[in-house]
PDB file of N, CA and C in Angstrom:
ATOM      1  N   MET A   1     -61.888 -14.102  31.857  1.00  0.00           N
ATOM      2  CA  MET A   1     -61.235 -13.379  30.750  1.00  0.00           C
ATOM      3  C   MET A   1     -61.106 -14.673  29.714  1.00  0.00           C
ATOM      4  N   THR A   2     -61.053 -14.161  28.312  1.00  0.00           N
ATOM      5  CA  THR A   2     -60.924 -15.195  27.378  1.00  0.00           C
ATOM      6  C   THR A   2     -59.245 -15.396  27.189  1.00  0.00           C
ATOM      7  N   THR A   3     -58.976 -16.497  26.343  1.00  0.00           N
ATOM      8  CA  THR A   3     -57.735 -16.614  25.970  1.00  0.00           C
ATOM      9  C   THR A   3     -57.200 -15.463  25.381  1.00  0.00           C
ATOM     10  N   GLY A   4     -57.894 -14.826  24.412  1.00  0.00           N
ATOM     11  CA  GLY A   4     -57.242 -13.851  23.771  1.00  0.00           C
ATOM     12  C   GLY A   4     -56.839 -12.565  24.594  1.00  0.00           C
ATOM     13  N   ARG A   5     -57.643 -12.309  25.517  1.00  0.00           N
ATOM     14  CA  ARG A   5     -57.492 -11.319  26.516  1.00  0.00           C
ATOM     15  C   ARG A   5     -55.983 -11.837  27.413  1.00  0.00           C
ATOM     16  N   ILE A   6     -55.989 -12.859  27.996  1.00  0.00           N
ATOM     17  CA  ILE A   6     -54.924 -13.206  28.683  1.00  0.00           C
ATOM     18  C   ILE A   6     -53.571 -13.086  27.763  1.00  0.00           C
ATOM     19  N   ILE A   7     -53.771 -13.527  26.494  1.00  0.00           N
ATOM     20  CA  ILE A   7     -52.531 -13.521  25.647  1.00  0.00           C
ATOM     21  C   ILE A   7     -52.340 -11.967  25.469  1.00  0.00           C
ATOM     22  N   GLU A   8     -53.178 -11.245  25.204  1.00  0.00           N
ATOM     23  CA  GLU A   8     -52.988  -9.575  25.001  1.00  0.00           C
ATOM     24  C   GLU A   8     -52.285  -9.115  26.425  1.00  0.00           C
ATOM     25  N   LEU A   9     -52.761  -9.465  27.604  1.00  0.00           N
ATOM     26  CA  LEU A   9     -52.260  -9.078  28.896  1.00  0.00           C
ATOM     27  C   LEU A   9     -50.727  -9.465  29.068  1.00  0.00           C
ATOM     28  N   VAL A  10     -50.537 -10.737  28.622  1.00  0.00           N
ATOM     29  CA  VAL A  10     -49.334 -11.158  28.667  1.00  0.00           C
ATOM     30  C   VAL A  10     -48.154 -10.333  27.691  1.00  0.00           C
ATOM     31  N   ALA A  11     -48.681 -10.074  26.633  1.00  0.00           N
ATOM     32  CA  ALA A  11     -47.817  -9.407  25.623  1.00  0.00           C
ATOM     33  C   ALA A  11     -47.613  -7.885  26.215  1.00  0.00           C
ATOM     34  N   ALA A  12     -48.583  -7.342  27.032  1.00  0.00           N
ATOM     35  CA  ALA A  12     -48.618  -5.845  27.679  1.00  0.00           C
ATOM     36  C   ALA A  12     -47.405  -5.958  28.652  1.00  0.00           C
ATOM     37  N   ILE A  13     -47.558  -7.271  29.449  1.00  0.00           N
ATOM     38  CA  ILE A  13     -46.404  -7.290  30.342  1.00  0.00           C
ATOM     39  C   ILE A  13     -45.059  -7.537  29.867  1.00  0.00           C
ATOM     40  N   ALA A  14     -45.074  -8.211  28.778  1.00  0.00           N
ATOM     41  CA  ALA A  14     -43.650  -8.484  28.032  1.00  0.00           C
ATOM     42  C   ALA A  14     -43.091  -7.216  27.387  1.00  0.00           C
ATOM     43  N   ILE A  15     -44.030  -6.297  26.940  1.00  0.00           N
ATOM     44  CA  ILE A  15     -43.565  -4.858  26.338  1.00  0.00           C
ATOM     45  C   ILE A  15     -43.057  -3.875  27.445  1.00  0.00           C
ATOM     46  N   LEU A  16     -43.900  -4.101  28.605  1.00  0.00           N
ATOM     47  CA  LEU A  16     -43.519  -3.125  29.833  1.00  0.00           C
ATOM     48  C   LEU A  16     -42.002  -3.651  30.199  1.00  0.00           C
ATOM     49  N   GLY A  17     -41.799  -5.198  30.130  1.00  0.00           N
ATOM     50  CA  GLY A  17     -40.532  -5.319  30.737  1.00  0.00           C
ATOM     51  C   GLY A  17     -39.400  -4.998  29.834  1.00  0.00           C
ATOM     52  N   PHE A  18     -39.584  -5.243  28.574  1.00  0.00           N
ATOM     53  CA  PHE A  18     -38.640  -4.715  27.301  1.00  0.00           C
ATOM     54  C   PHE A  18     -38.480  -3.220  27.735  1.00  0.00           C
ATOM     55  N   GLY A  19     -39.518  -2.400  27.878  1.00  0.00           N
ATOM     56  CA  GLY A  19     -39.503  -0.927  27.932  1.00  0.00           C
ATOM     57  C   GLY A  19     -38.426  -0.649  29.034  1.00  0.00           C
ATOM     58  N   ILE A  20     -38.817  -1.267  30.462  1.00  0.00           N
ATOM     59  CA  ILE A  20     -37.888  -1.089  31.292  1.00  0.00           C
ATOM     60  C   ILE A  20     -36.354  -1.396  31.267  1.00  0.00           C
ATOM     61  N   TRP A  21     -36.339  -2.663  30.405  1.00  0.00           N
ATOM     62  CA  TRP A  21     -34.884  -2.963  30.082  1.00  0.00           C
ATOM     63  C   TRP A  21     -34.134  -1.921  29.260  1.00  0.00           C
ATOM     64  N   LEU A  22     -34.980  -1.297  28.299  1.00  0.00           N
ATOM     65  CA  LEU A  22     -34.349  -0.390  27.391  1.00  0.00           C
ATOM     66  C   LEU A  22     -34.260   1.042  28.091  1.00  0.00           C
ATOM     67  N   TYR A  23     -34.999   1.225  29.107  1.00  0.00           N
ATOM     68  CA  TYR A  23     -34.797   2.558  29.723  1.00  0.00           C
ATOM     69  C   TYR A  23     -33.700   2.507  30.676  1.00  0.00           C
ATOM     70  N   ARG A  24     -33.320   1.569  31.146  1.00  0.00           N
ATOM     71  CA  ARG A  24     -32.117   1.400  32.039  1.00  0.00           C
ATOM     72  C   ARG A  24     -30.831   0.942  31.490  1.00  0.00           C
ATOM     73  N   ARG A  25     -31.072   0.539  30.190  1.00  0.00           N
ATOM     74  CA  ARG A  25     -29.738   0.009  29.430  1.00  0.00           C
ATOM     75  C   ARG A  25     -28.775   1.052  29.169  1.00  0.00           C
ATOM     76  N   ASN A  26     -29.117   2.128  28.712  1.00  0.00           N
ATOM     77  CA  ASN A  26     -28.073   3.229  28.320  1.00  0.00           C
ATOM     78  C   ASN A  26     -27.877   4.117  29.432  1.00  0.00           C
ATOM     79  N   ARG A  27     -27.873   3.905  30.725  1.00  0.00           N
ATOM     80  CA  ARG A  27     -27.796   5.003  31.737  1.00  0.00           C
ATOM     81  C   ARG A  27     -26.497   5.953  31.537  1.00  0.00           C
ATOM     82  N   ALA A  28     -25.475   5.141  31.178  1.00  0.00           N
ATOM     83  CA  ALA A  28     -24.125   6.268  30.986  1.00  0.00           C
ATOM     84  C   ALA A  28     -24.245   6.922  29.717  1.00  0.00           C
ATOM     85  N   VAL A  29     -24.743   6.569  28.435  1.00  0.00           N
ATOM     86  CA  VAL A  29     -24.804   7.169  27.407  1.00  0.00           C
ATOM     87  C   VAL A  29     -25.607   8.495  27.372  1.00  0.00           C
ATOM     88  N   ASP A  30     -26.951   8.098  28.175  1.00  0.00           N
ATOM     89  CA  ASP A  30     -27.880   9.407  28.098  1.00  0.00           C
ATOM     90  C   ASP A  30     -28.008  10.119  29.357  1.00  0.00           C
ATOM     91  N   ARG A  31     -26.978  10.010  30.103  1.00  0.00           N
ATOM     92  CA  ARG A  31     -26.737  10.784  31.245  1.00  0.00           C
ATOM     93  C   ARG A  31     -27.983  10.550  32.189  1.00  0.00           C
ATOM     94  N   GLY A  32     -28.549   9.428  32.197  1.00  0.00           N
ATOM     95  CA  GLY A  32     -29.653   9.144  33.317  1.00  0.00           C
ATOM     96  C   GLY A  32     -30.899   9.702  32.674  1.00  0.00           C
ATOM     97  N   TYR A  33     -31.382  10.213  31.428  1.00  0.00           N
ATOM     98  CA  TYR A  33     -32.500  10.813  30.944  1.00  0.00           C
ATOM     99  C   TYR A  33     -33.388   9.679  30.509  1.00  0.00           C
ATOM    100  N   GLY A  34     -32.991   8.407  30.330  1.00  0.00           N
ATOM    101  CA  GLY A  34     -33.753   7.208  29.711  1.00  0.00           C
ATOM    102  C   GLY A  34     -34.121   7.558  28.300  1.00  0.00           C
ATOM    103  N   SER A  35     -34.795   6.689  27.733  1.00  0.00           N
ATOM    104  CA  SER A  35     -35.000   6.393  26.111  1.00  0.00           C
ATOM    105  C   SER A  35     -36.395   6.841  25.971  1.00  0.00           C
ATOM    106  N   GLN A  36     -36.590   7.640  24.920  1.00  0.00           N
ATOM    107  CA  GLN A  36     -37.839   8.095  24.426  1.00  0.00           C
ATOM    108  C   GLN A  36     -38.496   6.761  23.806  1.00  0.00           C
ATOM    109  N   GLY A  37     -38.061   5.902  23.351  1.00  0.00           N
ATOM    110  CA  GLY A  37     -38.462   4.647  22.788  1.00  0.00           C
ATOM    111  C   GLY A  37     -39.126   3.831  23.793  1.00  0.00           C
ATOM    112  N   ALA A  38     -38.186   3.817  25.023  1.00  0.00           N
ATOM    113  CA  ALA A  38     -38.989   3.089  26.259  1.00  0.00           C
ATOM    114  C   ALA A  38     -40.140   3.737  26.725  1.00  0.00           C
ATOM    115  N   VAL A  39     -40.364   5.222  26.567  1.00  0.00           N
ATOM    116  CA  VAL A  39     -41.383   5.650  27.142  1.00  0.00           C
ATOM    117  C   VAL A  39     -42.657   5.421  26.235  1.00  0.00           C
ATOM    118  N   LEU A  40     -42.250   5.248  25.038  1.00  0.00           N
ATOM    119  CA  LEU A  40     -43.418   4.806  24.074  1.00  0.00           C
ATOM    120  C   LEU A  40     -43.794   3.670  24.313  1.00  0.00           C
ATOM    121  N   LEU A  41     -42.830   2.560  24.557  1.00  0.00           N
ATOM    122  CA  LEU A  41     -43.320   1.194  24.852  1.00  0.00           C
ATOM    123  C   LEU A  41     -44.210   0.980  26.284  1.00  0.00           C
ATOM    124  N   PHE A  42     -43.834   2.088  27.246  1.00  0.00           N
ATOM    125  CA  PHE A  42     -44.823   2.211  28.404  1.00  0.00           C
ATOM    126  C   PHE A  42     -46.125   2.424  27.849  1.00  0.00           C
ATOM    127  N   ALA A  43     -46.150   3.382  26.995  1.00  0.00           N
ATOM    128  CA  ALA A  43     -47.781   3.921  26.751  1.00  0.00           C
ATOM    129  C   ALA A  43     -48.099   2.819  25.862  1.00  0.00           C
ATOM    130  N   ILE A  44     -47.733   2.218  25.244  1.00  0.00           N
ATOM    131  CA  ILE A  44     -48.297   1.005  24.380  1.00  0.00           C
ATOM    132  C   ILE A  44     -48.655  -0.111  25.302  1.00  0.00           C
ATOM    133  N   ALA A  45     -47.850  -0.444  26.249  1.00  0.00           N
ATOM    134  CA  ALA A  45     -48.253  -1.463  27.237  1.00  0.00           C
ATOM    135  C   ALA A  45     -49.314  -1.058  28.123  1.00  0.00           C
ATOM    136  N   ALA A  46     -49.438   0.108  28.573  1.00  0.00           N
ATOM    137  CA  ALA A  46     -50.730   0.615  29.213  1.00  0.00           C
ATOM    138  C   ALA A  46     -51.824   0.356  28.705  1.00  0.00           C
ATOM    139  N   ILE A  47     -51.819   0.973  27.232  1.00  0.00           N
ATOM    140  CA  ILE A  47     -53.288   0.858  26.499  1.00  0.00           C
ATOM    141  C   ILE A  47     -53.409  -0.609  26.395  1.00  0.00           C
ATOM    142  N   MET A  48     -52.494  -1.514  26.011  1.00  0.00           N
ATOM    143  CA  MET A  48     -52.667  -2.969  25.705  1.00  0.00           C
ATOM    144  C   MET A  48     -53.595  -3.477  27.036  1.00  0.00           C
ATOM    145  N   ALA A  49     -52.923  -3.086  28.229  1.00  0.00           N
ATOM    146  CA  ALA A  49     -53.157  -3.558  29.406  1.00  0.00           C
ATOM    147  C   ALA A  49     -54.664  -3.179  29.750  1.00  0.00           C
ATOM    148  N   VAL A  50     -54.886  -1.815  29.770  1.00  0.00           N
ATOM    149  CA  VAL A  50     -56.345  -1.494  29.722  1.00  0.00           C
ATOM    150  C   VAL A  50     -57.517  -2.184  28.914  1.00  0.00           C
ATOM    151  N   HIS A  51     -56.923  -2.490  27.620  1.00  0.00           N
ATOM    152  CA  HIS A  51     -57.931  -3.160  26.822  1.00  0.00           C
ATOM    153  C   HIS A  51     -57.991  -4.497  27.174  1.00  0.00           C
ATOM    154  N   ALA A  52     -56.993  -5.180  27.514  1.00  0.00           N
ATOM    155  CA  ALA A  52     -56.870  -6.483  27.838  1.00  0.00           C
ATOM    156  C   ALA A  52     -57.992  -6.809  29.196  1.00  0.00           C
ATOM    157  N   LEU A  53     -57.822  -5.897  30.195  1.00  0.00           N
ATOM    158  CA  LEU A  53     -58.722  -5.951  31.379  1.00  0.00           C
ATOM    159  C   LEU A  53     -60.063  -5.703  30.992  1.00  0.00           C
ATOM    160  N   GLY A  54     -60.543  -5.135  29.948  1.00  0.00           N
ATOM    161  CA  GLY A  54     -61.919  -4.894  29.527  1.00  0.00           C
ATOM    162  C   GLY A  54     -62.379  -3.463  30.098  1.00  0.00           C
ATOM    163  N   LEU A  55     -61.398  -2.737  30.397  1.00  0.00           N
ATOM    164  CA  LEU A  55     -61.843  -1.370  30.941  1.00  0.00           C
ATOM    165  C   LEU A  55     -62.330  -0.384  29.848  1.00  0.00           C
ATOM    166  N   LEU A  56     -62.102  -0.580  28.610  1.00  0.00           N
ATOM    167  CA  LEU A  56     -62.683   0.037  27.493  1.00  0.00           C
ATOM    168  C   LEU A  56     -64.108  -0.468  26.948  1.00  0.00           C
ATOM    169  N   GLU A  57     -64.709  -1.256  27.495  1.00  0.00           N
ATOM    170  CA  GLU A  57     -65.867  -1.870  26.907  1.00  0.00           C
ATOM    171  C   GLU A  57     -66.969  -0.763  27.639  1.00  0.00           C
ATOM    172  N   TYR A  58     -67.987  -0.916  26.499  1.00  0.00           N
ATOM    173  CA  TYR A  58     -69.185  -0.128  26.901  1.00  0.00           C
ATOM    174  C   TYR A  58     -70.239  -0.785  27.722  1.00  0.00           C
ATOM    175  N   ARG A  59     -70.702  -0.280  29.032  1.00  0.00           N
ATOM    176  CA  ARG A  59     -71.517  -0.896  29.554  1.00  0.00           C
ATOM    177  C   ARG A  59     -72.706   0.088  29.890  1.00  0.00           C
ATOM    178  N   PRO A  60     -73.791  -0.098  29.260  1.00  0.00           N
ATOM    179  CA  PRO A  60     -74.706   0.966  29.464  1.00  0.00           C
ATOM    180  C   PRO A  60     -75.459   1.191  31.006  1.00  0.00           C
ATOM    181  N   SER A  61     -75.909   2.085  31.353  1.00  0.00           N
ATOM    182  CA  SER A  61     -76.464   2.373  32.721  1.00  0.00           C
ATOM    183  C   SER A  61     -78.020   1.731  32.593  1.00  0.00           C
ATOM    184  N   GLN A  62     -78.364   1.485  33.653  1.00  0.00           N
ATOM    185  CA  GLN A  62     -79.792   1.133  33.921  1.00  0.00           C
ATOM    186  C   GLN A  62     -80.742   1.874  33.402  1.00  0.00           C
ATOM    187  N   SER A  63     -80.480   3.317  33.527  1.00  0.00           N
ATOM    188  CA  SER A  63     -81.468   4.296  32.828  1.00  0.00           C
ATOM    189  C   SER A  63     -81.336   4.211  31.203  1.00  0.00           C
ATOM    190  N   GLU A  64     -80.205   3.837  30.808  1.00  0.00           N
ATOM    191  CA  GLU A  64     -80.085   3.671  29.339  1.00  0.00           C
ATOM    192  C   GLU A  64     -80.714   2.414  28.752  1.00  0.00           C
ATOM    193  N   LEU A  65     -80.789   1.358  29.602  1.00  0.00           N
ATOM    194  CA  LEU A  65     -81.326   0.160  29.156  1.00  0.00           C
ATOM    195  C   LEU A  65     -82.808   0.198  29.270  1.00  0.00           C
ATOM    196  N   GLU A  66     -83.367   1.145  30.310  1.00  0.00           N
ATOM    197  CA  GLU A  66     -84.866   1.189  30.432  1.00  0.00           C
ATOM    198  C   GLU A  66     -85.416   2.218  29.376  1.00  0.00           C
ATOM    199  N   ALA A  67     -84.642   3.020  28.960  1.00  0.00           N
ATOM    200  CA  ALA A  67     -84.818   3.854  27.621  1.00  0.00           C
ATOM    201  C   ALA A  67     -85.073   3.075  26.376  1.00  0.00           C
ATOM    202  N   LEU A  68     -84.050   2.203  26.217  1.00  0.00           N
ATOM    203  CA  LEU A  68     -84.361   1.305  24.911  1.00  0.00           C
ATOM    204  C   LEU A  68     -85.375   0.339  25.057  1.00  0.00           C
ATOM    205  N   GLY A  69     -85.614  -0.370  26.112  1.00  0.00           N
ATOM    206  CA  GLY A  69     -86.693  -1.289  26.319  1.00  0.00           C
ATOM    207  C   GLY A  69     -88.146  -0.683  26.565  1.00  0.00           C
ATOM    208  N   GLY A  70     -88.196   0.599  26.684  1.00  0.00           N
ATOM    209  CA  GLY A  70     -89.435   1.069  26.380  1.00  0.00           C
ATOM    210  C   GLY A  70     -90.313   1.553  27.706  1.00  0.00           C
TER     211      GLY A  70
END
């Protein structure tokens, strides 16, 4: 992993932690339903983590490589 990806993964974990804190913060006010903002933070953290781990990179199959190579 590159330094940039490690930083992105740490940021995703920090956003996830903040989302958990935000979700649990107002339990009495929202009667246990949680926060819509926290759910958005969960989605952002998940997308950042997937990107940081390189799961969105294009990896051509062997047949695609052979077709390009001739």
